[in-house]
Amino acid sequence: MRDKDAGNWPLRYPTHAPERRCLDGAPAFVCLLFALFATALCAQDVTLRMDVRLVSVFVNVTDRDGAIVGALTREDFAVSEDGRPQQIAVFERQSELPLNLTLAIDTSGSVKKDLSEEADAAHHFVHAILRPQDQMSLLEFATEVKELTPFTNKIAVIDRGLGNLHADNATALYDAILLGSEGLGRKEGRRVLVLVSDGGDTAKSTTYAEALEAALRHEVMIYSIIDVPIEASAGRDLGGEHALITLAEQTGGKSFYVAEGGLDKAFAQVSDDLRTQYLIGYYPHNQEPGRVFHRIEVSVPRAAAQDFNIRHKTGYYGDGPARKN
């Protein structure tokens, strides 16, 4: 009989035995198809799997004097996500994961006088940090962002790119962060964006919030090398400096001032920082439904809060790559 509510023929699906009734009044070949389908289902175990994402967190630990703490073990750390404890599944010291690094150099008018010095210091940095498994790309940003060298591990190619830096007027800092993060997001392994800039963004195409979101979504650590005028006031963009510092803090990187030892020292500090990281990985559980951005907290419970300075990204987006409207 017809189902008076639905107005359709009711379906009686076979469960275990293919010979159970098929469709009322259905042709014989339809019943045969149903029987074959039921037999196939009974002959196999159907397993449903949920793809749980491994969350990787790169962590740097220093003591109250700024010295690197490199002898901690998995048992020393605790990780929580949105305030909920997580179990550490992966732990490594001084991670040997491939390093994907984008060096983005500000070539706007405000730093034009320093371009030769920046190129020389970057040359030393490239020679010191690149291993066979690592890759680097080179960007310059002024009025617009230009890729001078695509990802490569050939130092000579990067050196040629450093020889082609050209100055321009405006400063597309946040465009550089957005585009650099998107490029790094297509690479496997650690993703690092090193910015050399005074921090002023005058292009006004991408916002600070969009740049930060792109870096976090693509799991990019930002290292800011801040090159500001010697003068204490004239030409100095304190807001831009603060933005560079905060971008580094939010993504698990670090900021350095060129005035505190020069460009060579700043690049060396970046290199040291990247070589003394802990890799902590966990599979999230007990997540809060509906939350898009998940906040991460890493601690060393046995130590007093003031004993260690622990740096890592503040969290991650769980809903895919960044998109700019």
C-alpha atoms as a PDB file:
ATOM      1  CA  MET A   1       0.000   0.000   0.000  1.00  0.00           C
ATOM      2  CA  ARG A   2       0.986   3.634  -0.442  1.00  0.00           C
ATOM      3  CA  ASP A   3       2.262   5.650   2.434  1.00  0.00           C
ATOM      4  CA  LYS A   4      -0.544   8.184   2.845  1.00  0.00           C
ATOM      5  CA  ASP A   5       1.745  10.804   4.419  1.00  0.00           C
ATOM      6  CA  ALA A   6       4.619  10.648   1.946  1.00  0.00           C
ATOM      7  CA  GLY A   7       2.642   9.719  -1.158  1.00  0.00           C
ATOM      8  CA  ASN A   8       5.458   7.347  -2.180  1.00  0.00           C
ATOM      9  CA  TRP A   9       5.933   3.630  -2.202  1.00  0.00           C
ATOM     10  CA  PRO A  10       7.519   2.649   1.125  1.00  0.00           C
ATOM     11  CA  LEU A  11      11.007   1.061   0.763  1.00  0.00           C
ATOM     12  CA  ARG A  12      11.811  -2.082   2.685  1.00  0.00           C
ATOM     13  CA  TYR A  13      15.629  -2.349   2.648  1.00  0.00           C
ATOM     14  CA  PRO A  14      17.183  -5.823   3.018  1.00  0.00           C
ATOM     15  CA  THR A  15      19.161  -6.266   6.206  1.00  0.00           C
ATOM     16  CA  HIS A  16      20.962  -9.611   6.571  1.00  0.00           C
ATOM     17  CA  ALA A  17      19.261 -12.023   4.161  1.00  0.00           C
ATOM     18  CA  PRO A  18      19.071 -11.199   0.450  1.00  0.00           C
ATOM     19  CA  GLU A  19      15.821 -13.171   0.207  1.00  0.00           C
ATOM     20  CA  ARG A  20      13.926 -10.672   2.419  1.00  0.00           C
ATOM     21  CA  ARG A  21      11.085  -8.873   0.678  1.00  0.00           C
ATOM     22  CA  CYS A  22      12.096  -6.225  -1.874  1.00  0.00           C
ATOM     23  CA  LEU A  23       9.777  -3.497  -3.182  1.00  0.00           C
ATOM     24  CA  ASP A  24       6.084  -4.275  -3.184  1.00  0.00           C
ATOM     25  CA  GLY A  25       5.151  -5.011  -6.747  1.00  0.00           C
ATOM     26  CA  ALA A  26       8.634  -4.251  -8.044  1.00  0.00           C
ATOM     27  CA  PRO A  27       9.919  -6.057 -11.152  1.00  0.00           C
ATOM     28  CA  ALA A  28      12.043  -9.126 -10.614  1.00  0.00           C
ATOM     29  CA  PHE A  29      15.298  -7.514 -11.837  1.00  0.00           C
ATOM     30  CA  VAL A  30      14.961  -4.750  -9.208  1.00  0.00           C
ATOM     31  CA  CYS A  31      14.642  -7.356  -6.466  1.00  0.00           C
ATOM     32  CA  LEU A  32      17.715  -9.102  -7.859  1.00  0.00           C
ATOM     33  CA  LEU A  33      19.733  -5.886  -7.728  1.00  0.00           C
ATOM     34  CA  PHE A  34      18.669  -5.315  -4.118  1.00  0.00           C
ATOM     35  CA  ALA A  35      19.663  -8.866  -3.209  1.00  0.00           C
ATOM     36  CA  LEU A  36      23.111  -8.469  -4.774  1.00  0.00           C
ATOM     37  CA  PHE A  37      23.624  -5.122  -2.999  1.00  0.00           C
ATOM     38  CA  ALA A  38      22.655  -6.643   0.354  1.00  0.00           C
ATOM     39  CA  THR A  39      24.987  -9.582  -0.143  1.00  0.00           C
ATOM     40  CA  ALA A  40      27.894  -7.229  -0.873  1.00  0.00           C
ATOM     41  CA  LEU A  41      27.218  -5.247   2.277  1.00  0.00           C
ATOM     42  CA  CYS A  42      27.082  -8.371   4.394  1.00  0.00           C
ATOM     43  CA  ALA A  43      30.393  -9.622   2.962  1.00  0.00           C
ATOM     44  CA  GLN A  44      32.476  -6.695   4.166  1.00  0.00           C
ATOM     45  CA  ASP A  45      33.090  -4.761   7.334  1.00  0.00           C
ATOM     46  CA  VAL A  46      32.436  -1.077   6.835  1.00  0.00           C
ATOM     47  CA  THR A  47      34.786   1.068   8.924  1.00  0.00           C
ATOM     48  CA  LEU A  48      34.266   4.797   9.365  1.00  0.00           C
ATOM     49  CA  ARG A  49      37.409   6.804   9.987  1.00  0.00           C
ATOM     50  CA  MET A  50      37.672  10.378  11.165  1.00  0.00           C
ATOM     51  CA  ASP A  51      40.676  12.327   9.849  1.00  0.00           C
ATOM     52  CA  VAL A  52      42.038  14.026  12.967  1.00  0.00           C
ATOM     53  CA  ARG A  53      44.579  16.730  12.240  1.00  0.00           C
ATOM     54  CA  LEU A  54      47.955  16.655  13.956  1.00  0.00           C
ATOM     55  CA  VAL A  55      48.638  20.085  15.400  1.00  0.00           C
ATOM     56  CA  SER A  56      52.342  20.966  15.334  1.00  0.00           C
ATOM     57  CA  VAL A  57      53.708  23.599  17.693  1.00  0.00           C
ATOM     58  CA  PHE A  58      57.295  24.834  17.535  1.00  0.00           C
ATOM     59  CA  VAL A  59      58.436  25.992  20.965  1.00  0.00           C
ATOM     60  CA  ASN A  60      61.426  28.021  22.132  1.00  0.00           C
ATOM     61  CA  VAL A  61      62.346  28.093  25.830  1.00  0.00           C
ATOM     62  CA  THR A  62      64.776  30.502  27.491  1.00  0.00           C
ATOM     63  CA  ASP A  63      65.534  31.147  31.131  1.00  0.00           C
ATOM     64  CA  ARG A  64      65.132  34.456  32.959  1.00  0.00           C
ATOM     65  CA  ASP A  65      68.542  35.584  31.668  1.00  0.00           C
ATOM     66  CA  GLY A  66      67.660  34.813  28.058  1.00  0.00           C
ATOM     67  CA  ALA A  67      69.795  31.687  27.826  1.00  0.00           C
ATOM     68  CA  ILE A  68      68.417  28.824  25.733  1.00  0.00           C
ATOM     69  CA  VAL A  69      66.944  25.889  27.686  1.00  0.00           C
ATOM     70  CA  GLY A  70      67.627  22.882  25.511  1.00  0.00           C
ATOM     71  CA  ALA A  71      67.511  19.836  27.794  1.00  0.00           C
ATOM     72  CA  LEU A  72      63.772  19.543  28.455  1.00  0.00           C
ATOM     73  CA  THR A  73      61.920  16.279  27.787  1.00  0.00           C
ATOM     74  CA  ARG A  74      58.409  15.399  26.697  1.00  0.00           C
ATOM     75  CA  GLU A  75      57.447  14.889  30.337  1.00  0.00           C
ATOM     76  CA  ASP A  76      58.442  18.472  31.183  1.00  0.00           C
ATOM     77  CA  PHE A  77      55.804  20.003  28.898  1.00  0.00           C
ATOM     78  CA  ALA A  78      52.041  20.349  29.151  1.00  0.00           C
ATOM     79  CA  VAL A  79      49.790  21.468  26.284  1.00  0.00           C
ATOM     80  CA  SER A  80      46.231  22.723  26.332  1.00  0.00           C
ATOM     81  CA  GLU A  81      43.868  23.819  23.588  1.00  0.00           C
ATOM     82  CA  ASP A  82      41.142  26.318  24.492  1.00  0.00           C
ATOM     83  CA  GLY A  83      41.882  25.520  28.122  1.00  0.00           C
ATOM     84  CA  ARG A  84      41.470  21.754  27.639  1.00  0.00           C
ATOM     85  CA  PRO A  85      44.506  19.499  28.292  1.00  0.00           C
ATOM     86  CA  GLN A  86      45.907  17.603  25.309  1.00  0.00           C
ATOM     87  CA  GLN A  87      48.157  14.556  25.114  1.00  0.00           C
ATOM     88  CA  ILE A  88      51.526  15.079  23.438  1.00  0.00           C
ATOM     89  CA  ALA A  89      51.895  12.607  20.556  1.00  0.00           C
ATOM     90  CA  VAL A  90      55.059  13.946  18.902  1.00  0.00           C
ATOM     91  CA  PHE A  91      58.124  15.408  20.586  1.00  0.00           C
ATOM     92  CA  GLU A  92      61.497  16.363  19.116  1.00  0.00           C
ATOM     93  CA  ARG A  93      64.377  18.566  20.189  1.00  0.00           C
ATOM     94  CA  GLN A  94      66.161  20.764  17.660  1.00  0.00           C
ATOM     95  CA  SER A  95      63.818  19.653  14.922  1.00  0.00           C
ATOM     96  CA  GLU A  96      65.404  18.326  11.761  1.00  0.00           C
ATOM     97  CA  LEU A  97      62.282  19.003   9.742  1.00  0.00           C
ATOM     98  CA  PRO A  98      63.005  20.798   6.453  1.00  0.00           C
ATOM     99  CA  LEU A  99      63.078  24.560   6.821  1.00  0.00           C
ATOM    100  CA  ASN A 100      61.122  26.620   4.306  1.00  0.00           C
ATOM    101  CA  LEU A 101      62.104  30.237   4.698  1.00  0.00           C
ATOM    102  CA  THR A 102      61.000  33.362   2.875  1.00  0.00           C
ATOM    103  CA  LEU A 103      63.213  36.407   3.318  1.00  0.00           C
ATOM    104  CA  ALA A 104      61.220  39.595   2.658  1.00  0.00           C
ATOM    105  CA  ILE A 105      63.235  42.819   2.482  1.00  0.00           C
ATOM    106  CA  ASP A 106      61.748  46.305   2.675  1.00  0.00           C
ATOM    107  CA  THR A 107      63.123  48.399  -0.215  1.00  0.00           C
ATOM    108  CA  SER A 108      60.966  51.478   0.320  1.00  0.00           C
ATOM    109  CA  GLY A 109      62.385  54.988   0.503  1.00  0.00           C
ATOM    110  CA  SER A 110      62.580  54.952   4.304  1.00  0.00           C
ATOM    111  CA  VAL A 111      65.218  52.196   4.284  1.00  0.00           C
ATOM    112  CA  LYS A 112      66.854  52.895   0.915  1.00  0.00           C
ATOM    113  CA  LYS A 113      70.142  53.964   2.512  1.00  0.00           C
ATOM    114  CA  ASP A 114      70.531  50.526   4.143  1.00  0.00           C
ATOM    115  CA  LEU A 115      69.930  48.297   1.091  1.00  0.00           C
ATOM    116  CA  SER A 116      73.579  47.451   0.482  1.00  0.00           C
ATOM    117  CA  GLU A 117      74.130  46.580   4.130  1.00  0.00           C
ATOM    118  CA  GLU A 118      70.937  44.489   4.207  1.00  0.00           C
ATOM    119  CA  ALA A 119      72.013  42.541   1.119  1.00  0.00           C
ATOM    120  CA  ASP A 120      75.437  41.804   2.624  1.00  0.00           C
ATOM    121  CA  ALA A 121      73.969  40.646   5.951  1.00  0.00           C
ATOM    122  CA  ALA A 122      71.328  38.530   4.197  1.00  0.00           C
ATOM    123  CA  HIS A 123      74.105  36.919   2.137  1.00  0.00           C
ATOM    124  CA  HIS A 124      75.879  35.823   5.334  1.00  0.00           C
ATOM    125  CA  PHE A 125      72.581  34.582   6.787  1.00  0.00           C
ATOM    126  CA  VAL A 126      71.769  32.459   3.741  1.00  0.00           C
ATOM    127  CA  HIS A 127      75.205  30.824   3.785  1.00  0.00           C
ATOM    128  CA  ALA A 128      74.893  30.077   7.505  1.00  0.00           C
ATOM    129  CA  ILE A 129      71.370  28.665   7.676  1.00  0.00           C
ATOM    130  CA  LEU A 130      70.607  26.701   4.498  1.00  0.00           C
ATOM    131  CA  ARG A 131      71.051  22.916   4.653  1.00  0.00           C
ATOM    132  CA  PRO A 132      70.504  20.549   1.701  1.00  0.00           C
ATOM    133  CA  GLN A 133      66.951  19.777   2.855  1.00  0.00           C
ATOM    134  CA  ASP A 134      66.018  23.459   3.280  1.00  0.00           C
ATOM    135  CA  GLN A 135      64.624  25.929   0.753  1.00  0.00           C
ATOM    136  CA  MET A 136      64.439  29.715   0.651  1.00  0.00           C
ATOM    137  CA  SER A 137      62.660  32.315  -1.438  1.00  0.00           C
ATOM    138  CA  LEU A 138      63.393  36.037  -1.659  1.00  0.00           C
ATOM    139  CA  LEU A 139      60.853  38.864  -1.789  1.00  0.00           C
ATOM    140  CA  GLU A 140      61.299  42.605  -1.935  1.00  0.00           C
ATOM    141  CA  PHE A 141      58.470  44.934  -1.037  1.00  0.00           C
ATOM    142  CA  ALA A 142      57.998  48.623  -1.586  1.00  0.00           C
ATOM    143  CA  THR A 143      55.078  49.966  -3.610  1.00  0.00           C
ATOM    144  CA  GLU A 144      54.357  46.337  -4.506  1.00  0.00           C
ATOM    145  CA  VAL A 145      55.681  42.908  -3.627  1.00  0.00           C
ATOM    146  CA  LYS A 146      58.070  41.215  -6.043  1.00  0.00           C
ATOM    147  CA  GLU A 147      59.480  37.708  -5.929  1.00  0.00           C
ATOM    148  CA  LEU A 148      63.174  37.951  -6.798  1.00  0.00           C
ATOM    149  CA  THR A 149      63.938  34.274  -6.207  1.00  0.00           C
ATOM    150  CA  PRO A 150      61.498  31.328  -6.021  1.00  0.00           C
ATOM    151  CA  PHE A 151      62.071  28.571  -3.473  1.00  0.00           C
ATOM    152  CA  THR A 152      65.492  27.011  -3.955  1.00  0.00           C
ATOM    153  CA  ASN A 153      68.379  25.584  -1.940  1.00  0.00           C
ATOM    154  CA  LYS A 154      70.966  26.970  -4.374  1.00  0.00           C
ATOM    155  CA  ILE A 155      72.807  29.726  -2.556  1.00  0.00           C
ATOM    156  CA  ALA A 156      74.177  31.232  -5.768  1.00  0.00           C
ATOM    157  CA  VAL A 157      70.638  31.783  -7.070  1.00  0.00           C
ATOM    158  CA  ILE A 158      69.619  33.556  -3.861  1.00  0.00           C
ATOM    159  CA  ASP A 159      72.789  35.688  -3.986  1.00  0.00           C
ATOM    160  CA  ARG A 160      71.853  36.844  -7.486  1.00  0.00           C
ATOM    161  CA  GLY A 161      68.428  37.822  -6.201  1.00  0.00           C
ATOM    162  CA  LEU A 162      69.990  39.837  -3.382  1.00  0.00           C
ATOM    163  CA  GLY A 163      71.980  41.702  -6.009  1.00  0.00           C
ATOM    164  CA  ASN A 164      68.758  42.817  -7.713  1.00  0.00           C
ATOM    165  CA  LEU A 165      67.152  44.773  -4.862  1.00  0.00           C
ATOM    166  CA  HIS A 166      65.567  48.003  -6.114  1.00  0.00           C
ATOM    167  CA  ALA A 167      64.143  50.859  -4.062  1.00  0.00           C
ATOM    168  CA  ASP A 168      60.696  52.394  -4.533  1.00  0.00           C
ATOM    169  CA  ASN A 169      58.398  54.741  -2.636  1.00  0.00           C
ATOM    170  CA  ALA A 170      55.577  53.103  -0.643  1.00  0.00           C
ATOM    171  CA  THR A 171      55.764  50.165   1.791  1.00  0.00           C
ATOM    172  CA  ALA A 172      53.487  47.161   1.147  1.00  0.00           C
ATOM    173  CA  LEU A 173      54.434  45.407   4.393  1.00  0.00           C
ATOM    174  CA  TYR A 174      51.140  43.610   5.026  1.00  0.00           C
ATOM    175  CA  ASP A 175      50.880  42.571   1.368  1.00  0.00           C
ATOM    176  CA  ALA A 176      54.315  40.987   1.753  1.00  0.00           C
ATOM    177  CA  ILE A 177      53.201  39.066   4.846  1.00  0.00           C
ATOM    178  CA  LEU A 178      50.023  37.873   3.143  1.00  0.00           C
ATOM    179  CA  LEU A 179      51.718  36.773  -0.086  1.00  0.00           C
ATOM    180  CA  GLY A 180      54.725  35.349   1.734  1.00  0.00           C
ATOM    181  CA  SER A 181      52.477  33.294   4.011  1.00  0.00           C
ATOM    182  CA  GLU A 182      50.464  31.963   1.083  1.00  0.00           C
ATOM    183  CA  GLY A 183      53.644  30.898  -0.702  1.00  0.00           C
ATOM    184  CA  LEU A 184      54.990  29.178   2.405  1.00  0.00           C
ATOM    185  CA  GLY A 185      51.634  27.486   2.980  1.00  0.00           C
ATOM    186  CA  ARG A 186      52.235  25.339  -0.093  1.00  0.00           C
ATOM    187  CA  LYS A 187      55.420  23.882   1.399  1.00  0.00           C
ATOM    188  CA  GLU A 188      55.872  20.941   3.780  1.00  0.00           C
ATOM    189  CA  GLY A 189      57.891  21.317   6.968  1.00  0.00           C
ATOM    190  CA  ARG A 190      58.658  24.401   9.021  1.00  0.00           C
ATOM    191  CA  ARG A 191      57.509  27.674   7.509  1.00  0.00           C
ATOM    192  CA  VAL A 192      59.350  30.851   8.431  1.00  0.00           C
ATOM    193  CA  LEU A 193      58.967  34.410   7.174  1.00  0.00           C
ATOM    194  CA  VAL A 194      61.852  36.757   7.989  1.00  0.00           C
ATOM    195  CA  LEU A 195      60.931  40.428   7.575  1.00  0.00           C
ATOM    196  CA  VAL A 196      63.489  43.219   7.355  1.00  0.00           C
ATOM    197  CA  SER A 197      61.642  46.524   7.687  1.00  0.00           C
ATOM    198  CA  ASP A 198      61.082  49.665   9.734  1.00  0.00           C
ATOM    199  CA  GLY A 199      57.460  48.581  10.169  1.00  0.00           C
ATOM    200  CA  GLY A 200      55.579  51.334   8.375  1.00  0.00           C
ATOM    201  CA  ASP A 201      52.861  50.140   5.972  1.00  0.00           C
ATOM    202  CA  THR A 202      51.809  52.837   3.512  1.00  0.00           C
ATOM    203  CA  ALA A 203      50.288  50.711   0.738  1.00  0.00           C
ATOM    204  CA  LYS A 204      47.013  50.140   2.653  1.00  0.00           C
ATOM    205  CA  SER A 205      45.984  47.176   0.526  1.00  0.00           C
ATOM    206  CA  THR A 206      46.097  44.413   3.145  1.00  0.00           C
ATOM    207  CA  THR A 207      45.302  45.128   6.785  1.00  0.00           C
ATOM    208  CA  TYR A 208      47.265  44.065   9.843  1.00  0.00           C
ATOM    209  CA  ALA A 209      44.447  41.670  10.828  1.00  0.00           C
ATOM    210  CA  GLU A 210      44.431  40.026   7.391  1.00  0.00           C
ATOM    211  CA  ALA A 211      48.203  39.643   7.432  1.00  0.00           C
ATOM    212  CA  LEU A 212      48.194  38.045  10.890  1.00  0.00           C
ATOM    213  CA  GLU A 213      45.355  35.698   9.972  1.00  0.00           C
ATOM    214  CA  ALA A 214      47.176  34.573   6.829  1.00  0.00           C
ATOM    215  CA  ALA A 215      50.310  33.796   8.831  1.00  0.00           C
ATOM    216  CA  LEU A 216      48.393  31.822  11.464  1.00  0.00           C
ATOM    217  CA  ARG A 217      46.284  29.925   8.934  1.00  0.00           C
ATOM    218  CA  HIS A 218      49.361  28.875   6.970  1.00  0.00           C
ATOM    219  CA  GLU A 219      51.297  28.095  10.195  1.00  0.00           C
ATOM    220  CA  VAL A 220      54.045  30.599   9.431  1.00  0.00           C
ATOM    221  CA  MET A 221      56.447  31.850  12.104  1.00  0.00           C
ATOM    222  CA  ILE A 222      57.379  35.502  11.609  1.00  0.00           C
ATOM    223  CA  TYR A 223      60.784  36.850  12.582  1.00  0.00           C
ATOM    224  CA  SER A 224      60.944  40.642  12.453  1.00  0.00           C
ATOM    225  CA  ILE A 225      64.268  42.413  11.996  1.00  0.00           C
ATOM    226  CA  ILE A 226      63.409  46.022  12.754  1.00  0.00           C
ATOM    227  CA  ASP A 227      65.555  48.606  11.007  1.00  0.00           C
ATOM    228  CA  VAL A 228      64.551  52.076  12.229  1.00  0.00           C
ATOM    229  CA  PRO A 229      66.069  55.545  11.860  1.00  0.00           C
ATOM    230  CA  ILE A 230      68.760  56.425  14.373  1.00  0.00           C
ATOM    231  CA  GLU A 231      66.841  59.523  15.385  1.00  0.00           C
ATOM    232  CA  ALA A 232      64.558  59.033  18.362  1.00  0.00           C
ATOM    233  CA  SER A 233      61.586  60.771  16.779  1.00  0.00           C
ATOM    234  CA  ALA A 234      61.767  62.043  13.209  1.00  0.00           C
ATOM    235  CA  GLY A 235      60.687  59.476  10.637  1.00  0.00           C
ATOM    236  CA  ARG A 236      60.116  56.782  13.229  1.00  0.00           C
ATOM    237  CA  ASP A 237      56.878  54.780  13.032  1.00  0.00           C
ATOM    238  CA  LEU A 238      56.338  53.434  16.550  1.00  0.00           C
ATOM    239  CA  GLY A 239      53.027  51.880  15.520  1.00  0.00           C
ATOM    240  CA  GLY A 240      54.752  49.973  12.731  1.00  0.00           C
ATOM    241  CA  GLU A 241      57.436  48.746  15.098  1.00  0.00           C
ATOM    242  CA  HIS A 242      54.788  47.540  17.537  1.00  0.00           C
ATOM    243  CA  ALA A 243      53.022  45.708  14.694  1.00  0.00           C
ATOM    244  CA  LEU A 244      56.229  43.864  13.758  1.00  0.00           C
ATOM    245  CA  ILE A 245      56.813  42.888  17.380  1.00  0.00           C
ATOM    246  CA  THR A 246      53.240  41.660  17.856  1.00  0.00           C
ATOM    247  CA  LEU A 247      53.209  39.696  14.580  1.00  0.00           C
ATOM    248  CA  ALA A 248      56.298  37.831  15.755  1.00  0.00           C
ATOM    249  CA  GLU A 249      54.835  37.157  19.210  1.00  0.00           C
ATOM    250  CA  GLN A 250      51.507  35.885  17.867  1.00  0.00           C
ATOM    251  CA  THR A 251      53.084  33.446  15.401  1.00  0.00           C
ATOM    252  CA  GLY A 252      55.786  32.035  17.679  1.00  0.00           C
ATOM    253  CA  GLY A 253      58.688  33.939  16.134  1.00  0.00           C
ATOM    254  CA  LYS A 254      60.737  36.759  17.579  1.00  0.00           C
ATOM    255  CA  SER A 255      61.704  40.366  16.872  1.00  0.00           C
ATOM    256  CA  PHE A 256      65.154  41.957  16.856  1.00  0.00           C
ATOM    257  CA  TYR A 257      66.342  45.546  16.482  1.00  0.00           C
ATOM    258  CA  VAL A 258      69.170  46.226  14.047  1.00  0.00           C
ATOM    259  CA  ALA A 259      70.416  48.987  16.355  1.00  0.00           C
ATOM    260  CA  GLU A 260      71.224  46.370  19.010  1.00  0.00           C
ATOM    261  CA  GLY A 261      74.327  44.884  17.408  1.00  0.00           C
ATOM    262  CA  GLY A 262      73.721  45.338  13.673  1.00  0.00           C
ATOM    263  CA  LEU A 263      72.110  43.309  10.927  1.00  0.00           C
ATOM    264  CA  ASP A 264      74.613  40.451  11.065  1.00  0.00           C
ATOM    265  CA  LYS A 265      73.869  39.878  14.746  1.00  0.00           C
ATOM    266  CA  ALA A 266      70.106  40.057  14.144  1.00  0.00           C
ATOM    267  CA  PHE A 267      70.284  37.435  11.389  1.00  0.00           C
ATOM    268  CA  ALA A 268      72.523  35.247  13.573  1.00  0.00           C
ATOM    269  CA  GLN A 269      69.938  35.425  16.369  1.00  0.00           C
ATOM    270  CA  VAL A 270      67.227  34.287  13.955  1.00  0.00           C
ATOM    271  CA  SER A 271      69.411  31.358  12.899  1.00  0.00           C
ATOM    272  CA  ASP A 272      70.124  30.367  16.506  1.00  0.00           C
ATOM    273  CA  ASP A 273      66.448  30.560  17.389  1.00  0.00           C
ATOM    274  CA  LEU A 274      65.434  28.262  14.556  1.00  0.00           C
ATOM    275  CA  ARG A 275      68.084  25.700  15.506  1.00  0.00           C
ATOM    276  CA  THR A 276      67.010  25.423  19.148  1.00  0.00           C
ATOM    277  CA  GLN A 277      63.316  24.646  18.852  1.00  0.00           C
ATOM    278  CA  TYR A 278      61.204  21.902  20.346  1.00  0.00           C
ATOM    279  CA  LEU A 279      58.560  20.337  18.141  1.00  0.00           C
ATOM    280  CA  ILE A 280      55.422  19.335  20.035  1.00  0.00           C
ATOM    281  CA  GLY A 281      52.533  17.660  18.237  1.00  0.00           C
ATOM    282  CA  TYR A 282      49.119  16.555  19.440  1.00  0.00           C
ATOM    283  CA  TYR A 283      45.827  15.257  18.047  1.00  0.00           C
ATOM    284  CA  PRO A 284      43.067  17.547  19.352  1.00  0.00           C
ATOM    285  CA  HIS A 285      40.344  15.969  21.425  1.00  0.00           C
ATOM    286  CA  ASN A 286      37.394  17.298  23.349  1.00  0.00           C
ATOM    287  CA  GLN A 287      37.226  20.373  21.135  1.00  0.00           C
ATOM    288  CA  GLU A 288      34.613  23.031  21.731  1.00  0.00           C
ATOM    289  CA  PRO A 289      31.981  22.783  18.953  1.00  0.00           C
ATOM    290  CA  GLY A 290      31.711  25.738  16.595  1.00  0.00           C
ATOM    291  CA  ARG A 291      35.050  27.307  17.456  1.00  0.00           C
ATOM    292  CA  VAL A 292      37.079  28.393  14.417  1.00  0.00           C
ATOM    293  CA  PHE A 293      40.269  29.647  16.096  1.00  0.00           C
ATOM    294  CA  HIS A 294      41.780  27.361  18.697  1.00  0.00           C
ATOM    295  CA  ARG A 295      44.102  28.883  21.304  1.00  0.00           C
ATOM    296  CA  ILE A 296      47.185  26.927  22.368  1.00  0.00           C
ATOM    297  CA  GLU A 297      49.036  27.144  25.654  1.00  0.00           C
ATOM    298  CA  VAL A 298      52.337  25.360  26.312  1.00  0.00           C
ATOM    299  CA  SER A 299      53.803  25.305  29.805  1.00  0.00           C
ATOM    300  CA  VAL A 300      56.492  23.641  31.907  1.00  0.00           C
ATOM    301  CA  PRO A 301      54.504  22.769  35.058  1.00  0.00           C
ATOM    302  CA  ARG A 302      57.482  21.945  37.255  1.00  0.00           C
ATOM    303  CA  ALA A 303      58.970  25.429  36.813  1.00  0.00           C
ATOM    304  CA  ALA A 304      57.784  28.695  38.306  1.00  0.00           C
ATOM    305  CA  ALA A 305      56.153  31.024  35.808  1.00  0.00           C
ATOM    306  CA  GLN A 306      59.034  33.501  35.996  1.00  0.00           C
ATOM    307  CA  ASP A 307      61.743  30.868  35.459  1.00  0.00           C
ATOM    308  CA  PHE A 308      61.153  30.258  31.773  1.00  0.00           C
ATOM    309  CA  ASN A 309      60.074  32.334  28.802  1.00  0.00           C
ATOM    310  CA  ILE A 310      58.116  30.003  26.514  1.00  0.00           C
ATOM    311  CA  ARG A 311      57.390  31.139  22.971  1.00  0.00           C
ATOM    312  CA  HIS A 312      55.039  29.508  20.483  1.00  0.00           C
ATOM    313  CA  LYS A 313      52.177  30.431  18.192  1.00  0.00           C
ATOM    314  CA  THR A 314      49.045  31.561  19.986  1.00  0.00           C
ATOM    315  CA  GLY A 315      46.758  29.163  18.133  1.00  0.00           C
ATOM    316  CA  TYR A 316      45.514  27.928  14.770  1.00  0.00           C
ATOM    317  CA  TYR A 317      42.502  28.120  12.471  1.00  0.00           C
ATOM    318  CA  GLY A 318      40.731  24.824  11.964  1.00  0.00           C
ATOM    319  CA  ASP A 319      38.647  25.735   8.907  1.00  0.00           C
ATOM    320  CA  GLY A 320      41.065  25.867   5.994  1.00  0.00           C
ATOM    321  CA  PRO A 321      43.456  28.353   4.352  1.00  0.00           C
ATOM    322  CA  ALA A 322      43.165  32.095   4.556  1.00  0.00           C
ATOM    323  CA  ARG A 323      41.103  33.905   1.975  1.00  0.00           C
ATOM    324  CA  LYS A 324      41.352  37.594   1.163  1.00  0.00           C
ATOM    325  CA  ASN A 325      38.177  39.264  -0.067  1.00  0.00           C
END
